[in-house]
C-alpha atoms as a PDB file:
ATOM      1  CA  LEU A   1     113.879 103.308  89.199  1.00  0.00           C
ATOM      2  CA  THR A   2     113.250 106.107  90.853  1.00  0.00           C
ATOM      3  CA  PHE A   3     114.795 110.011  89.831  1.00  0.00           C
ATOM      4  CA  VAL A   4     113.915 112.661  92.652  1.00  0.00           C
ATOM      5  CA  SER A   5     114.888 116.267  92.364  1.00  0.00           C
ATOM      6  CA  ALA A   6     115.651 118.822  94.717  1.00  0.00           C
ATOM      7  CA  PRO A   7     113.418 121.370  95.643  1.00  0.00           C
ATOM      8  CA  LEU A   8     112.975 124.075  92.849  1.00  0.00           C
ATOM      9  CA  GLN A   9     113.062 126.919  93.308  1.00  0.00           C
ATOM     10  CA  ASP A  10     111.315 128.807  91.289  1.00  0.00           C
ATOM     11  CA  THR A  11     108.096 127.629  89.271  1.00  0.00           C
ATOM     12  CA  LEU A  12     109.323 124.955  85.887  1.00  0.00           C
ATOM     13  CA  LYS A  13     107.207 125.727  83.091  1.00  0.00           C
ATOM     14  CA  LEU A  14     106.260 122.406  80.716  1.00  0.00           C
ATOM     15  CA  GLU A  15     104.282 122.189  77.746  1.00  0.00           C
ATOM     16  CA  GLY A  16     104.201 120.491  74.490  1.00  0.00           C
ATOM     17  CA  PRO A  17     105.065 116.445  74.046  1.00  0.00           C
ATOM     18  CA  LEU A  18     108.002 114.597  76.612  1.00  0.00           C
ATOM     19  CA  SER A  19     110.947 112.413  75.243  1.00  0.00           C
ATOM     20  CA  ALA A  20     112.467 109.683  76.783  1.00  0.00           C
ATOM     21  CA  THR A  21     114.695 107.904  75.452  1.00  0.00           C
ATOM     22  CA  VAL A  22     115.528 104.490  77.605  1.00  0.00           C
ATOM     23  CA  MET A  23     119.186 102.631  77.245  1.00  0.00           C
ATOM     24  CA  PHE A  24     119.264  99.254  79.030  1.00  0.00           C
ATOM     25  CA  GLU A  25     120.114  95.879  78.840  1.00  0.00           C
ATOM     26  CA  THR A  26     117.692  92.632  80.095  1.00  0.00           C
ATOM     27  CA  THR A  27     118.124  89.154  80.878  1.00  0.00           C
ATOM     28  CA  GLY A  28     114.478  88.453  78.633  1.00  0.00           C
ATOM     29  CA  SER A  29     114.093  89.560  75.300  1.00  0.00           C
ATOM     30  CA  ASP A  30     111.018  91.259  74.770  1.00  0.00           C
ATOM     31  CA  ALA A  31     110.751  93.963  77.408  1.00  0.00           C
ATOM     32  CA  ASP A  32     107.708  96.862  78.315  1.00  0.00           C
ATOM     33  CA  ILE A  33     109.735 100.386  79.559  1.00  0.00           C
ATOM     34  CA  ILE A  34     107.311 102.702  81.572  1.00  0.00           C
ATOM     35  CA  VAL A  35     108.774 106.435  81.424  1.00  0.00           C
ATOM     36  CA  LYS A  36     106.670 108.211  84.155  1.00  0.00           C
ATOM     37  CA  LEU A  37     106.918 112.109  85.494  1.00  0.00           C
ATOM     38  CA  ILE A  38     105.655 113.024  88.625  1.00  0.00           C
ATOM     39  CA  ASP A  39     105.561 116.540  90.453  1.00  0.00           C
ATOM     40  CA  VAL A  40     105.930 115.522  94.482  1.00  0.00           C
ATOM     41  CA  TYR A  41     104.547 117.652  96.643  1.00  0.00           C
ATOM     42  CA  PRO A  42     106.162 119.401  99.954  1.00  0.00           C
ATOM     43  CA  ASP A  43     105.628 117.635 102.346  1.00  0.00           C
ATOM     44  CA  SER A  44     105.253 120.510 104.264  1.00  0.00           C
ATOM     45  CA  PHE A  45     102.004 121.179 101.795  1.00  0.00           C
ATOM     46  CA  ARG A  46      98.994 122.944 103.409  1.00  0.00           C
ATOM     47  CA  TYR A  47      95.910 123.851 101.553  1.00  0.00           C
ATOM     48  CA  VAL A  48      95.225 127.837 102.295  1.00  0.00           C
ATOM     49  CA  LYS A  49      91.934 127.845 104.852  1.00  0.00           C
ATOM     50  CA  ASP A  50      89.866 128.699 101.928  1.00  0.00           C
ATOM     51  CA  VAL A  51      90.048 126.176  99.868  1.00  0.00           C
ATOM     52  CA  SER A  52      90.379 123.418 102.436  1.00  0.00           C
ATOM     53  CA  GLU A  53      86.840 124.408 103.549  1.00  0.00           C
ATOM     54  CA  GLU A  54      85.855 123.495 100.050  1.00  0.00           C
ATOM     55  CA  LEU A  55      87.131 119.942 100.086  1.00  0.00           C
ATOM     56  CA  PRO A  56      84.508 116.697 100.718  1.00  0.00           C
ATOM     57  CA  ASP A  57      87.178 116.342 104.047  1.00  0.00           C
ATOM     58  CA  PRO A  58      88.696 119.335 105.382  1.00  0.00           C
ATOM     59  CA  GLY A  59      91.230 117.797 106.877  1.00  0.00           C
ATOM     60  CA  TYR A  60      92.949 115.841 104.216  1.00  0.00           C
ATOM     61  CA  GLN A  61      96.563 117.435 103.160  1.00  0.00           C
ATOM     62  CA  MET A  62      98.692 116.771  99.934  1.00  0.00           C
ATOM     63  CA  GLY A  63     102.257 117.085 102.115  1.00  0.00           C
ATOM     64  CA  GLY A  64     104.390 114.246  99.675  1.00  0.00           C
ATOM     65  CA  TYR A  65     101.851 113.419  97.332  1.00  0.00           C
ATOM     66  CA  GLN A  66     103.355 112.464  94.135  1.00  0.00           C
ATOM     67  CA  MET A  67     100.828 113.196  91.607  1.00  0.00           C
ATOM     68  CA  LEU A  68     101.169 111.739  87.892  1.00  0.00           C
ATOM     69  CA  VAL A  69     101.721 114.012  85.472  1.00  0.00           C
ATOM     70  CA  ARG A  70     102.473 111.562  82.616  1.00  0.00           C
ATOM     71  CA  GLY A  71     103.529 108.197  82.531  1.00  0.00           C
ATOM     72  CA  ASN A  72     103.919 106.293  78.475  1.00  0.00           C
ATOM     73  CA  VAL A  73     104.384 102.680  77.664  1.00  0.00           C
ATOM     74  CA  PHE A  74     106.718 101.548  75.015  1.00  0.00           C
ATOM     75  CA  ARG A  75     107.395  97.757  74.176  1.00  0.00           C
ATOM     76  CA  ALA A  76     110.726  97.163  73.145  1.00  0.00           C
ATOM     77  CA  ARG A  77     110.044  95.121  70.325  1.00  0.00           C
ATOM     78  CA  TYR A  78     109.146  97.605  68.062  1.00  0.00           C
ATOM     79  CA  ARG A  79     112.093  99.673  69.100  1.00  0.00           C
ATOM     80  CA  ASN A  80     112.840  99.567  65.320  1.00  0.00           C
ATOM     81  CA  GLY A  81     109.759 100.548  64.012  1.00  0.00           C
ATOM     82  CA  PHE A  82     106.147  98.823  64.832  1.00  0.00           C
ATOM     83  CA  SER A  83     106.430  97.325  61.406  1.00  0.00           C
ATOM     84  CA  SER A  84     109.082  95.192  62.208  1.00  0.00           C
ATOM     85  CA  PRO A  85     108.809  93.774  65.849  1.00  0.00           C
ATOM     86  CA  GLN A  86     111.968  92.391  66.851  1.00  0.00           C
ATOM     87  CA  PRO A  87     113.146  90.661  69.696  1.00  0.00           C
ATOM     88  CA  LEU A  88     116.238  91.941  72.068  1.00  0.00           C
ATOM     89  CA  VAL A  89     119.673  89.971  72.612  1.00  0.00           C
ATOM     90  CA  PRO A  90     119.786  89.266  75.815  1.00  0.00           C
ATOM     91  CA  GLY A  91     122.415  90.883  77.684  1.00  0.00           C
ATOM     92  CA  SER A  92     123.241  93.552  75.002  1.00  0.00           C
ATOM     93  CA  MET A  93     122.560  97.452  75.363  1.00  0.00           C
ATOM     94  CA  SER A  94     119.193  98.573  73.830  1.00  0.00           C
ATOM     95  CA  GLU A  95     118.274 101.793  72.892  1.00  0.00           C
ATOM     96  CA  VAL A  96     114.384 102.589  73.196  1.00  0.00           C
ATOM     97  CA  SER A  97     112.913 106.451  72.481  1.00  0.00           C
ATOM     98  CA  PHE A  98     109.661 107.566  72.263  1.00  0.00           C
ATOM     99  CA  SER A  99     107.524 110.565  72.917  1.00  0.00           C
ATOM    100  CA  MET A 100     105.131 110.730  75.116  1.00  0.00           C
ATOM    101  CA  ASP A 101     101.995 112.628  74.912  1.00  0.00           C
ATOM    102  CA  ASP A 102     101.859 117.014  75.186  1.00  0.00           C
ATOM    103  CA  ILE A 103     101.626 117.753  78.752  1.00  0.00           C
ATOM    104  CA  ALA A 104     100.983 121.970  80.186  1.00  0.00           C
ATOM    105  CA  HIS A 105     101.761 121.743  83.869  1.00  0.00           C
ATOM    106  CA  TRP A 106     103.742 124.024  86.237  1.00  0.00           C
ATOM    107  CA  PHE A 107     106.168 122.787  89.072  1.00  0.00           C
ATOM    108  CA  LEU A 108     105.785 125.172  91.685  1.00  0.00           C
ATOM    109  CA  PRO A 109     108.441 126.444  94.264  1.00  0.00           C
ATOM    110  CA  GLY A 110     108.617 123.896  96.940  1.00  0.00           C
ATOM    111  CA  HIS A 111     108.077 121.084  94.720  1.00  0.00           C
ATOM    112  CA  ARG A 112     110.118 118.194  93.279  1.00  0.00           C
ATOM    113  CA  ILE A 113     110.265 116.089  89.846  1.00  0.00           C
ATOM    114  CA  MET A 114     110.205 112.933  90.189  1.00  0.00           C
ATOM    115  CA  VAL A 115     111.150 110.450  87.234  1.00  0.00           C
ATOM    116  CA  GLN A 116     110.262 106.423  87.288  1.00  0.00           C
ATOM    117  CA  VAL A 117     111.638 103.895  85.185  1.00  0.00           C
ATOM    118  CA  GLN A 118     109.945 100.566  85.229  1.00  0.00           C
ATOM    119  CA  SER A 119     109.333  97.924  83.281  1.00  0.00           C
ATOM    120  CA  SER A 120     105.486  96.776  84.199  1.00  0.00           C
ATOM    121  CA  TRP A 121     102.304  98.678  84.651  1.00  0.00           C
ATOM    122  CA  PHE A 122     100.140  95.911  85.766  1.00  0.00           C
ATOM    123  CA  PRO A 123      97.399  96.297  85.673  1.00  0.00           C
ATOM    124  CA  LEU A 124      97.396  99.483  83.712  1.00  0.00           C
ATOM    125  CA  ALA A 125      99.035  97.665  80.810  1.00  0.00           C
ATOM    126  CA  ASP A 126      99.093  93.956  80.055  1.00  0.00           C
ATOM    127  CA  ARG A 127     102.005  91.875  80.830  1.00  0.00           C
ATOM    128  CA  ASN A 128     105.287  91.332  78.956  1.00  0.00           C
ATOM    129  CA  PRO A 129     106.020  87.698  78.899  1.00  0.00           C
ATOM    130  CA  GLN A 130     109.502  89.144  78.566  1.00  0.00           C
ATOM    131  CA  THR A 131     110.048  86.588  76.212  1.00  0.00           C
ATOM    132  CA  TYR A 132     110.000  87.468  72.337  1.00  0.00           C
ATOM    133  CA  VAL A 133     106.599  85.118  71.139  1.00  0.00           C
ATOM    134  CA  GLU A 134     105.191  86.631  67.934  1.00  0.00           C
ATOM    135  CA  ASN A 135     101.888  87.128  69.574  1.00  0.00           C
ATOM    136  CA  ILE A 136     102.177  88.537  73.029  1.00  0.00           C
ATOM    137  CA  TYR A 137      98.110  87.932  73.226  1.00  0.00           C
ATOM    138  CA  LYS A 138      98.292  83.892  72.589  1.00  0.00           C
ATOM    139  CA  ALA A 139     101.849  83.851  75.164  1.00  0.00           C
ATOM    140  CA  ARG A 140     101.361  80.615  76.930  1.00  0.00           C
ATOM    141  CA  VAL A 141     101.949  80.163  80.641  1.00  0.00           C
ATOM    142  CA  GLU A 142     105.416  78.776  79.830  1.00  0.00           C
ATOM    143  CA  ASP A 143     106.766  82.003  77.491  1.00  0.00           C
ATOM    144  CA  TYR A 144     106.288  84.084  81.446  1.00  0.00           C
ATOM    145  CA  MET A 145     109.616  84.126  82.390  1.00  0.00           C
ATOM    146  CA  PRO A 146     111.399  86.540  85.010  1.00  0.00           C
ATOM    147  CA  ALA A 147     113.652  89.214  83.436  1.00  0.00           C
ATOM    148  CA  GLU A 148     116.314  91.144  85.480  1.00  0.00           C
ATOM    149  CA  ILE A 149     116.382  94.737  83.628  1.00  0.00           C
ATOM    150  CA  LYS A 150     119.461  97.180  83.741  1.00  0.00           C
ATOM    151  CA  VAL A 151     118.631 100.623  82.662  1.00  0.00           C
ATOM    152  CA  TYR A 152     122.072 102.672  82.176  1.00  0.00           C
ATOM    153  CA  HIS A 153     122.443 106.445  83.276  1.00  0.00           C
ATOM    154  CA  GLN A 154     125.750 107.205  83.717  1.00  0.00           C
ATOM    155  CA  GLN A 155     127.727 109.589  81.298  1.00  0.00           C
ATOM    156  CA  GLY A 156     128.335 107.979  77.600  1.00  0.00           C
ATOM    157  CA  SER A 157     125.214 105.735  77.932  1.00  0.00           C
ATOM    158  CA  ALA A 158     122.308 107.632  79.870  1.00  0.00           C
ATOM    159  CA  SER A 159     119.214 107.133  79.281  1.00  0.00           C
ATOM    160  CA  TYR A 160     116.986 110.626  80.007  1.00  0.00           C
ATOM    161  CA  ILE A 161     113.686 112.699  79.072  1.00  0.00           C
ATOM    162  CA  GLU A 162     112.996 115.429  77.672  1.00  0.00           C
ATOM    163  CA  LEU A 163     110.773 117.925  79.066  1.00  0.00           C
ATOM    164  CA  PRO A 164     109.367 121.015  76.751  1.00  0.00           C
ATOM    165  CA  VAL A 165     110.292 123.646  79.115  1.00  0.00           C
ATOM    166  CA  ILE A 166     108.832 127.288  78.240  1.00  0.00           C
ATOM    167  CA  ASP A 167     110.554 130.595  79.132  1.00  0.00           C
ATOM    168  CA  ASP A 168     108.210 133.515  79.218  1.00  0.00           C
ATOM    169  CA  THR A 169     110.144 136.117  80.218  1.00  0.00           C
ATOM    170  CA  LEU A 170     111.526 136.778  76.874  1.00  0.00           C
END
């Protein structure tokens, strides 16, 4: 699931930890929730001549580039604590809230903010069988099942990401 902002009019300065809350339901009894924050460069982005001449390929341009600023994986079985993994109830709404690592990043004017929510990031993160098993690293082939995940983003049951915006005008 991808959300993209309109092009920014002003610089947006972020500094500190991010936090994500994802409201979802799945047809499986376990799931991974991956949240990514991405800086989308304007399609018209070009390096200034002084910089482009120093690049290994001076003709390479970054227009439309999607730069990963932060991405984290949270295994839903640990939504109620890491010491007590619990299966999800298929078809029921669940909530996963987690902190993401600190960032220090400026989204510049003309750039867009992209947030992606997904349930697999293989091969960067191991595969989740989508079925609750006591030890995921001993899951059998038959434990791996396809699952559909519905992410809620309407008011009242909305998923969201909190950005650590700094205001240096004070």
